[in-house]
């Protein structure tokens, strides 16, 4: 766990890799729960029998499920202290280069790309890369913006 304390430590860490989370298995139960919550019940996600003869040989996680696991995994990589609060300001870019087959193990890596002063605080840009264990191509790459009040 990397801890950055305050604006100056965040600025000093710009351009560095913050680390990787542990791997987490994406189960069919995860996929089914996400489908139930979002209403995205396409067969490639929720019908193992049909998906077995589909393009991926089984069910795959929703891209947005993969993305949504980020906050859980990222908490194990880094923490920013010395700020009053932080909020998710959005994403500049999200891509899903590779599907996540059911029962795959994924992890997230974080790179701090930028820190910019804003009125009353600091905006940081982080690049997150979701990796599938044993697969060279990433499952997801996303550039996220966070705003911190100081």
N, C-alpha and C. Protein backbone atom coordinates (compact mmCIF):
# COMPACT_ATOMS: atom_id res chain seq x y z
N UNK A 1 0.84 -1.18 0.00
CA UNK A 1 0.00 0.00 0.00
C UNK A 1 0.88 1.24 0.00
N UNK A 2 0.71 2.05 -1.01
CA UNK A 2 1.46 3.31 -1.07
C UNK A 2 0.58 4.42 -0.53
N UNK A 3 1.12 5.23 0.37
CA UNK A 3 0.38 6.33 0.97
C UNK A 3 1.04 7.64 0.55
N UNK A 4 0.24 8.51 -0.05
CA UNK A 4 0.70 9.84 -0.42
C UNK A 4 0.02 10.81 0.53
N UNK A 5 0.82 11.62 1.22
CA UNK A 5 0.28 12.51 2.24
C UNK A 5 0.37 13.95 1.77
N UNK A 6 -0.76 14.48 1.33
CA UNK A 6 -0.84 15.88 0.97
C UNK A 6 -0.44 16.18 -0.47
N UNK A 7 -0.67 17.42 -0.82
CA UNK A 7 -0.48 17.90 -2.19
C UNK A 7 0.94 17.70 -2.68
N UNK A 8 1.92 18.03 -1.86
CA UNK A 8 3.32 17.95 -2.32
C UNK A 8 3.75 16.52 -2.61
N UNK A 9 3.32 15.57 -1.79
CA UNK A 9 3.67 14.16 -2.06
C UNK A 9 2.96 13.65 -3.31
N UNK A 10 1.74 14.11 -3.54
CA UNK A 10 1.03 13.72 -4.76
C UNK A 10 1.78 14.28 -5.97
N UNK A 11 2.13 15.54 -5.92
CA UNK A 11 2.86 16.15 -7.05
C UNK A 11 4.19 15.44 -7.30
N UNK A 12 4.88 15.07 -6.24
CA UNK A 12 6.17 14.39 -6.38
C UNK A 12 6.02 13.00 -6.99
N UNK A 13 4.84 12.39 -6.85
CA UNK A 13 4.61 11.04 -7.38
C UNK A 13 4.13 11.03 -8.83
N UNK A 14 3.88 12.19 -9.42
CA UNK A 14 3.43 12.24 -10.82
C UNK A 14 4.46 11.55 -11.70
N UNK A 15 3.97 10.72 -12.60
CA UNK A 15 4.84 9.98 -13.50
C UNK A 15 5.30 8.64 -12.97
N UNK A 16 4.78 8.24 -11.80
CA UNK A 16 5.21 6.97 -11.21
C UNK A 16 4.10 5.94 -11.24
N UNK A 17 4.54 4.69 -11.19
CA UNK A 17 3.62 3.55 -11.06
C UNK A 17 3.37 3.37 -9.57
N UNK A 18 2.10 3.34 -9.17
CA UNK A 18 1.75 3.24 -7.75
C UNK A 18 1.67 1.80 -7.26
N UNK A 19 1.59 0.85 -8.18
CA UNK A 19 1.56 -0.55 -7.78
C UNK A 19 0.42 -1.31 -8.42
N UNK A 20 0.27 -2.57 -7.98
CA UNK A 20 -0.78 -3.47 -8.47
C UNK A 20 -1.58 -3.99 -7.29
N UNK A 21 -2.85 -4.23 -7.54
CA UNK A 21 -3.69 -4.89 -6.54
C UNK A 21 -3.42 -6.39 -6.56
N UNK A 22 -3.89 -7.10 -5.55
CA UNK A 22 -3.88 -8.56 -5.65
C UNK A 22 -4.86 -9.00 -6.74
N UNK A 23 -4.72 -10.23 -7.20
CA UNK A 23 -5.67 -10.77 -8.17
C UNK A 23 -6.99 -11.09 -7.47
N UNK A 24 -8.08 -10.95 -8.22
CA UNK A 24 -9.42 -11.29 -7.75
C UNK A 24 -10.10 -12.11 -8.84
N UNK A 25 -10.73 -13.21 -8.46
CA UNK A 25 -11.44 -14.06 -9.41
C UNK A 25 -12.81 -13.46 -9.71
N UNK A 26 -13.15 -13.39 -11.00
CA UNK A 26 -14.47 -12.94 -11.44
C UNK A 26 -15.31 -14.19 -11.68
N UNK A 27 -16.32 -14.39 -10.84
CA UNK A 27 -17.13 -15.60 -10.87
C UNK A 27 -18.41 -15.40 -11.67
N UNK A 28 -19.07 -16.50 -11.99
CA UNK A 28 -20.37 -16.40 -12.65
C UNK A 28 -21.38 -15.72 -11.74
N UNK A 29 -21.26 -15.94 -10.43
CA UNK A 29 -22.15 -15.25 -9.49
C UNK A 29 -21.97 -13.73 -9.57
N UNK A 30 -20.73 -13.27 -9.72
CA UNK A 30 -20.48 -11.82 -9.89
C UNK A 30 -21.17 -11.32 -11.15
N UNK A 31 -20.98 -12.06 -12.24
CA UNK A 31 -21.53 -11.67 -13.53
C UNK A 31 -23.06 -11.65 -13.47
N UNK A 32 -23.65 -12.69 -12.87
CA UNK A 32 -25.11 -12.76 -12.77
C UNK A 32 -25.67 -11.63 -11.91
N UNK A 33 -24.99 -11.31 -10.80
CA UNK A 33 -25.45 -10.22 -9.93
C UNK A 33 -25.39 -8.88 -10.66
N UNK A 34 -24.32 -8.67 -11.43
CA UNK A 34 -24.19 -7.43 -12.20
C UNK A 34 -25.29 -7.36 -13.25
N UNK A 35 -25.55 -8.47 -13.93
CA UNK A 35 -26.61 -8.51 -14.94
C UNK A 35 -27.98 -8.21 -14.32
N UNK A 36 -28.24 -8.78 -13.16
CA UNK A 36 -29.52 -8.53 -12.48
C UNK A 36 -29.66 -7.07 -12.08
N UNK A 37 -28.58 -6.48 -11.61
CA UNK A 37 -28.62 -5.09 -11.17
C UNK A 37 -28.79 -4.12 -12.34
N UNK A 38 -28.12 -4.39 -13.44
CA UNK A 38 -28.12 -3.45 -14.57
C UNK A 38 -29.15 -3.77 -15.65
N UNK A 39 -29.67 -4.99 -15.63
CA UNK A 39 -30.59 -5.39 -16.70
C UNK A 39 -29.89 -5.83 -17.96
N UNK A 40 -28.57 -5.90 -17.94
CA UNK A 40 -27.79 -6.35 -19.10
C UNK A 40 -27.63 -7.87 -19.01
N UNK A 41 -28.63 -8.57 -19.53
CA UNK A 41 -28.64 -10.03 -19.41
C UNK A 41 -28.37 -10.72 -20.75
N UNK A 42 -27.50 -10.12 -21.56
CA UNK A 42 -27.13 -10.73 -22.84
C UNK A 42 -26.56 -12.13 -22.58
N UNK A 43 -26.89 -13.07 -23.45
CA UNK A 43 -26.51 -14.47 -23.26
C UNK A 43 -25.02 -14.68 -23.09
N UNK A 44 -24.19 -13.86 -23.71
CA UNK A 44 -22.73 -14.04 -23.62
C UNK A 44 -22.25 -13.89 -22.18
N UNK A 45 -23.07 -13.24 -21.35
CA UNK A 45 -22.73 -13.04 -19.94
C UNK A 45 -23.40 -14.06 -19.02
N UNK A 46 -24.66 -14.39 -19.29
CA UNK A 46 -25.46 -15.11 -18.28
C UNK A 46 -25.93 -16.51 -18.68
N UNK A 47 -25.64 -16.95 -19.88
CA UNK A 47 -26.09 -18.28 -20.32
C UNK A 47 -24.88 -19.16 -20.63
N UNK A 48 -24.35 -19.85 -19.60
CA UNK A 48 -23.14 -20.65 -19.81
C UNK A 48 -23.28 -21.70 -20.90
N UNK A 49 -24.44 -22.33 -21.03
CA UNK A 49 -24.62 -23.37 -22.05
C UNK A 49 -24.51 -22.77 -23.45
N UNK A 50 -25.20 -21.68 -23.70
CA UNK A 50 -25.14 -21.05 -25.02
C UNK A 50 -23.76 -20.43 -25.27
N UNK A 51 -23.20 -19.80 -24.23
CA UNK A 51 -21.89 -19.15 -24.38
C UNK A 51 -20.78 -20.14 -24.66
N UNK A 52 -20.95 -21.39 -24.23
CA UNK A 52 -19.92 -22.42 -24.48
C UNK A 52 -19.65 -22.60 -25.96
N UNK A 53 -20.66 -22.38 -26.79
CA UNK A 53 -20.46 -22.50 -28.24
C UNK A 53 -20.30 -21.13 -28.90
N UNK A 54 -20.17 -20.10 -28.09
CA UNK A 54 -20.00 -18.74 -28.61
C UNK A 54 -18.55 -18.41 -28.91
N UNK A 55 -18.28 -17.16 -29.23
CA UNK A 55 -16.94 -16.76 -29.67
C UNK A 55 -15.84 -16.86 -28.62
N UNK A 56 -16.21 -16.93 -27.33
CA UNK A 56 -15.20 -16.96 -26.27
C UNK A 56 -15.15 -18.29 -25.53
N UNK A 57 -15.97 -19.24 -25.93
CA UNK A 57 -15.96 -20.56 -25.31
C UNK A 57 -16.58 -20.62 -23.93
N UNK A 58 -17.23 -19.58 -23.51
CA UNK A 58 -17.89 -19.51 -22.21
C UNK A 58 -18.35 -18.09 -21.96
N UNK A 59 -18.94 -17.89 -20.80
CA UNK A 59 -19.41 -16.55 -20.47
C UNK A 59 -18.23 -15.61 -20.19
N UNK A 60 -18.49 -14.33 -20.38
CA UNK A 60 -17.50 -13.29 -20.10
C UNK A 60 -18.13 -12.22 -19.22
N UNK A 61 -17.31 -11.54 -18.46
CA UNK A 61 -17.77 -10.44 -17.63
C UNK A 61 -18.16 -9.26 -18.51
N UNK A 62 -19.12 -8.51 -18.06
CA UNK A 62 -19.47 -7.24 -18.71
C UNK A 62 -18.26 -6.31 -18.61
N UNK A 63 -18.02 -5.51 -19.63
CA UNK A 63 -16.94 -4.53 -19.55
C UNK A 63 -17.13 -3.60 -18.36
N UNK A 64 -18.37 -3.15 -18.16
CA UNK A 64 -18.62 -2.24 -17.05
C UNK A 64 -18.50 -2.91 -15.69
N UNK A 65 -18.71 -4.22 -15.62
CA UNK A 65 -18.43 -4.95 -14.38
C UNK A 65 -16.94 -4.90 -14.09
N UNK A 66 -16.14 -5.15 -15.10
CA UNK A 66 -14.68 -5.09 -14.94
C UNK A 66 -14.28 -3.71 -14.42
N UNK A 67 -14.78 -2.67 -15.07
CA UNK A 67 -14.48 -1.29 -14.65
C UNK A 67 -14.94 -1.05 -13.22
N UNK A 68 -16.13 -1.54 -12.88
CA UNK A 68 -16.69 -1.25 -11.55
C UNK A 68 -15.94 -1.96 -10.42
N UNK A 69 -15.16 -2.97 -10.73
CA UNK A 69 -14.33 -3.61 -9.69
C UNK A 69 -13.13 -2.75 -9.31
N UNK A 70 -12.87 -1.72 -10.11
CA UNK A 70 -11.73 -0.84 -9.86
C UNK A 70 -11.65 -0.28 -8.46
N UNK A 71 -12.69 0.39 -7.96
CA UNK A 71 -12.58 0.98 -6.62
C UNK A 71 -12.22 -0.03 -5.54
N UNK A 72 -12.76 -1.23 -5.63
CA UNK A 72 -12.46 -2.26 -4.63
C UNK A 72 -10.97 -2.66 -4.69
N UNK A 73 -10.47 -2.83 -5.90
CA UNK A 73 -9.08 -3.27 -6.07
C UNK A 73 -8.08 -2.13 -5.83
N UNK A 74 -8.44 -0.94 -6.23
CA UNK A 74 -7.54 0.21 -6.13
C UNK A 74 -7.24 0.55 -4.68
N UNK A 75 -8.21 0.31 -3.78
CA UNK A 75 -7.99 0.58 -2.35
C UNK A 75 -6.81 -0.19 -1.78
N UNK A 76 -6.41 -1.24 -2.46
CA UNK A 76 -5.29 -2.04 -1.98
C UNK A 76 -3.95 -1.59 -2.57
N UNK A 77 -3.99 -0.60 -3.46
CA UNK A 77 -2.77 -0.12 -4.11
C UNK A 77 -2.24 1.15 -3.45
N UNK A 78 -3.11 2.14 -3.29
CA UNK A 78 -2.65 3.43 -2.79
C UNK A 78 -3.75 4.10 -1.98
N UNK A 79 -3.33 5.13 -1.24
CA UNK A 79 -4.25 5.96 -0.47
C UNK A 79 -3.68 7.37 -0.47
N UNK A 80 -4.55 8.35 -0.54
CA UNK A 80 -4.12 9.74 -0.45
C UNK A 80 -4.68 10.31 0.84
N UNK A 81 -3.78 10.74 1.71
CA UNK A 81 -4.14 11.35 2.99
C UNK A 81 -3.84 12.85 2.91
N UNK A 82 -4.24 13.57 3.94
CA UNK A 82 -3.91 14.98 4.04
C UNK A 82 -4.79 15.88 3.19
N UNK A 83 -5.92 15.36 2.75
CA UNK A 83 -6.89 16.15 1.98
C UNK A 83 -8.22 16.06 2.72
N UNK A 84 -9.08 17.06 2.54
CA UNK A 84 -10.38 17.02 3.23
C UNK A 84 -11.28 15.94 2.65
N UNK A 85 -11.32 15.83 1.34
CA UNK A 85 -12.14 14.80 0.69
C UNK A 85 -11.77 14.69 -0.77
N UNK A 86 -12.14 13.58 -1.36
CA UNK A 86 -11.92 13.36 -2.78
C UNK A 86 -13.18 12.84 -3.44
N UNK A 87 -13.38 13.21 -4.70
CA UNK A 87 -14.54 12.73 -5.46
C UNK A 87 -14.10 12.28 -6.85
N UNK A 88 -14.82 11.32 -7.37
CA UNK A 88 -14.63 10.86 -8.74
C UNK A 88 -15.17 11.95 -9.66
N UNK A 89 -14.32 12.51 -10.50
CA UNK A 89 -14.73 13.58 -11.41
C UNK A 89 -15.08 13.03 -12.79
N UNK A 90 -14.71 11.77 -13.05
CA UNK A 90 -15.06 11.15 -14.32
C UNK A 90 -13.88 10.46 -14.96
N UNK A 91 -14.11 10.06 -16.19
CA UNK A 91 -13.10 9.35 -16.96
C UNK A 91 -12.85 10.09 -18.27
N UNK A 92 -11.59 10.19 -18.65
CA UNK A 92 -11.25 10.77 -19.96
C UNK A 92 -11.36 9.73 -21.06
N UNK A 93 -11.06 8.48 -20.71
CA UNK A 93 -11.02 7.44 -21.74
C UNK A 93 -11.15 6.08 -21.07
N UNK A 94 -11.97 5.21 -21.68
CA UNK A 94 -12.12 3.83 -21.21
C UNK A 94 -12.10 2.93 -22.44
N UNK A 95 -11.30 1.87 -22.37
CA UNK A 95 -11.24 0.89 -23.46
C UNK A 95 -11.25 -0.51 -22.86
N UNK A 96 -11.85 -1.46 -23.60
CA UNK A 96 -11.92 -2.86 -23.19
C UNK A 96 -11.26 -3.73 -24.26
N UNK A 97 -9.91 -3.80 -24.28
CA UNK A 97 -9.20 -4.51 -25.35
C UNK A 97 -9.39 -6.02 -25.36
N UNK A 98 -9.73 -6.61 -24.21
CA UNK A 98 -9.80 -8.07 -24.14
C UNK A 98 -10.93 -8.48 -23.20
N UNK A 99 -11.71 -9.51 -23.56
CA UNK A 99 -12.78 -9.96 -22.66
C UNK A 99 -12.21 -10.66 -21.42
N UNK A 100 -13.02 -10.66 -20.36
CA UNK A 100 -12.66 -11.33 -19.11
C UNK A 100 -13.53 -12.60 -19.01
N UNK A 101 -12.97 -13.76 -19.32
CA UNK A 101 -13.73 -15.00 -19.21
C UNK A 101 -14.09 -15.30 -17.76
N UNK A 102 -15.22 -15.95 -17.56
CA UNK A 102 -15.64 -16.34 -16.22
C UNK A 102 -14.52 -17.12 -15.54
N UNK A 103 -14.36 -16.89 -14.26
CA UNK A 103 -13.34 -17.50 -13.39
C UNK A 103 -11.91 -17.04 -13.68
N UNK A 104 -11.78 -15.97 -14.47
CA UNK A 104 -10.46 -15.36 -14.66
C UNK A 104 -10.06 -14.61 -13.40
N UNK A 105 -8.76 -14.48 -13.22
CA UNK A 105 -8.24 -13.66 -12.13
C UNK A 105 -7.77 -12.35 -12.74
N UNK A 106 -8.25 -11.23 -12.18
CA UNK A 106 -7.85 -9.92 -12.67
C UNK A 106 -7.24 -9.10 -11.54
N UNK A 107 -6.41 -8.16 -11.94
CA UNK A 107 -5.85 -7.19 -11.00
C UNK A 107 -5.77 -5.85 -11.71
N UNK A 108 -5.54 -4.80 -10.94
CA UNK A 108 -5.43 -3.45 -11.48
C UNK A 108 -4.07 -2.89 -11.14
N UNK A 109 -3.46 -2.21 -12.11
CA UNK A 109 -2.26 -1.43 -11.88
C UNK A 109 -2.62 0.05 -12.00
N UNK A 110 -1.93 0.89 -11.24
CA UNK A 110 -2.23 2.32 -11.23
C UNK A 110 -0.98 3.14 -11.51
N UNK A 111 -1.13 4.11 -12.40
CA UNK A 111 -0.07 5.07 -12.71
C UNK A 111 -0.60 6.47 -12.50
N UNK A 112 0.11 7.28 -11.74
CA UNK A 112 -0.28 8.67 -11.51
C UNK A 112 0.29 9.50 -12.65
N UNK A 113 -0.58 9.98 -13.52
CA UNK A 113 -0.13 10.70 -14.72
C UNK A 113 0.01 12.20 -14.53
N UNK A 114 -0.85 12.81 -13.69
CA UNK A 114 -0.84 14.27 -13.62
C UNK A 114 -1.50 14.73 -12.33
N UNK A 115 -1.10 15.90 -11.88
CA UNK A 115 -1.73 16.58 -10.74
C UNK A 115 -1.80 18.05 -11.11
N UNK A 116 -3.01 18.60 -11.10
CA UNK A 116 -3.24 19.97 -11.53
C UNK A 116 -3.98 20.73 -10.45
N UNK A 117 -3.52 21.94 -10.15
CA UNK A 117 -4.23 22.78 -9.19
C UNK A 117 -5.58 23.17 -9.76
N UNK A 118 -6.59 23.14 -8.90
CA UNK A 118 -7.93 23.64 -9.22
C UNK A 118 -8.35 24.52 -8.05
N UNK A 119 -9.33 25.39 -8.22
CA UNK A 119 -9.74 26.23 -7.08
C UNK A 119 -10.12 25.37 -5.87
N UNK A 120 -9.43 25.59 -4.77
CA UNK A 120 -9.70 24.88 -3.53
C UNK A 120 -9.13 23.48 -3.44
N UNK A 121 -8.32 23.08 -4.43
CA UNK A 121 -7.82 21.73 -4.34
C UNK A 121 -6.91 21.29 -5.47
N UNK A 122 -6.99 20.00 -5.76
CA UNK A 122 -6.09 19.36 -6.70
C UNK A 122 -6.87 18.34 -7.52
N UNK A 123 -6.63 18.34 -8.82
CA UNK A 123 -7.20 17.30 -9.67
C UNK A 123 -6.07 16.38 -10.10
N UNK A 124 -6.29 15.06 -9.95
CA UNK A 124 -5.27 14.12 -10.39
C UNK A 124 -5.83 13.24 -11.50
N UNK A 125 -4.94 12.83 -12.37
CA UNK A 125 -5.29 11.91 -13.46
C UNK A 125 -4.52 10.62 -13.26
N UNK A 126 -5.25 9.53 -13.18
CA UNK A 126 -4.68 8.20 -12.97
C UNK A 126 -5.02 7.31 -14.14
N UNK A 127 -4.06 6.52 -14.54
CA UNK A 127 -4.30 5.51 -15.58
C UNK A 127 -4.34 4.15 -14.89
N UNK A 128 -5.47 3.47 -15.04
CA UNK A 128 -5.66 2.15 -14.46
C UNK A 128 -5.66 1.12 -15.57
N UNK A 129 -4.96 0.02 -15.34
CA UNK A 129 -4.89 -1.07 -16.32
C UNK A 129 -5.28 -2.36 -15.62
N UNK A 130 -6.36 -2.98 -16.09
CA UNK A 130 -6.82 -4.26 -15.57
C UNK A 130 -6.14 -5.36 -16.36
N UNK A 131 -5.47 -6.23 -15.66
CA UNK A 131 -4.76 -7.35 -16.30
C UNK A 131 -5.45 -8.66 -15.93
N UNK A 132 -5.50 -9.58 -16.89
CA UNK A 132 -6.00 -10.92 -16.67
C UNK A 132 -4.79 -11.81 -16.47
N UNK A 133 -4.77 -12.57 -15.39
CA UNK A 133 -3.64 -13.45 -15.10
C UNK A 133 -3.39 -14.38 -16.29
N UNK A 134 -2.13 -14.41 -16.75
CA UNK A 134 -1.73 -15.29 -17.83
C UNK A 134 -2.07 -14.80 -19.23
N UNK A 135 -2.55 -13.57 -19.34
CA UNK A 135 -2.92 -13.01 -20.65
C UNK A 135 -2.16 -11.71 -20.87
N UNK A 136 -1.49 -11.57 -22.01
CA UNK A 136 -0.68 -10.36 -22.21
C UNK A 136 -1.51 -9.10 -22.50
N UNK A 137 -2.68 -9.25 -23.10
CA UNK A 137 -3.50 -8.10 -23.48
C UNK A 137 -4.38 -7.68 -22.29
N UNK A 138 -4.42 -6.38 -21.97
CA UNK A 138 -5.23 -5.94 -20.83
C UNK A 138 -6.72 -6.10 -21.10
N UNK A 139 -7.47 -6.25 -20.01
CA UNK A 139 -8.92 -6.35 -20.11
C UNK A 139 -9.55 -4.97 -20.21
N UNK A 140 -8.96 -4.00 -19.53
CA UNK A 140 -9.51 -2.65 -19.51
C UNK A 140 -8.38 -1.67 -19.25
N UNK A 141 -8.48 -0.52 -19.89
CA UNK A 141 -7.57 0.59 -19.63
C UNK A 141 -8.46 1.82 -19.48
N UNK A 142 -8.30 2.53 -18.37
CA UNK A 142 -9.15 3.69 -18.12
C UNK A 142 -8.32 4.81 -17.50
N UNK A 143 -8.59 6.02 -17.95
CA UNK A 143 -7.96 7.22 -17.39
C UNK A 143 -9.02 7.94 -16.56
N UNK A 144 -8.78 8.00 -15.27
CA UNK A 144 -9.76 8.55 -14.32
C UNK A 144 -9.28 9.88 -13.75
N UNK A 145 -10.23 10.76 -13.53
CA UNK A 145 -9.96 12.05 -12.90
C UNK A 145 -10.56 12.05 -11.50
N UNK A 146 -9.76 12.45 -10.53
CA UNK A 146 -10.24 12.60 -9.15
C UNK A 146 -9.96 14.02 -8.70
N UNK A 147 -10.88 14.60 -7.97
CA UNK A 147 -10.69 15.94 -7.43
C UNK A 147 -10.66 15.88 -5.92
N UNK A 148 -9.65 16.54 -5.36
CA UNK A 148 -9.46 16.57 -3.90
C UNK A 148 -9.57 18.01 -3.40
N UNK A 149 -10.28 18.16 -2.30
CA UNK A 149 -10.34 19.45 -1.59
C UNK A 149 -9.23 19.47 -0.56
N UNK A 150 -8.53 20.59 -0.47
CA UNK A 150 -7.46 20.70 0.52
C UNK A 150 -7.83 21.67 1.63
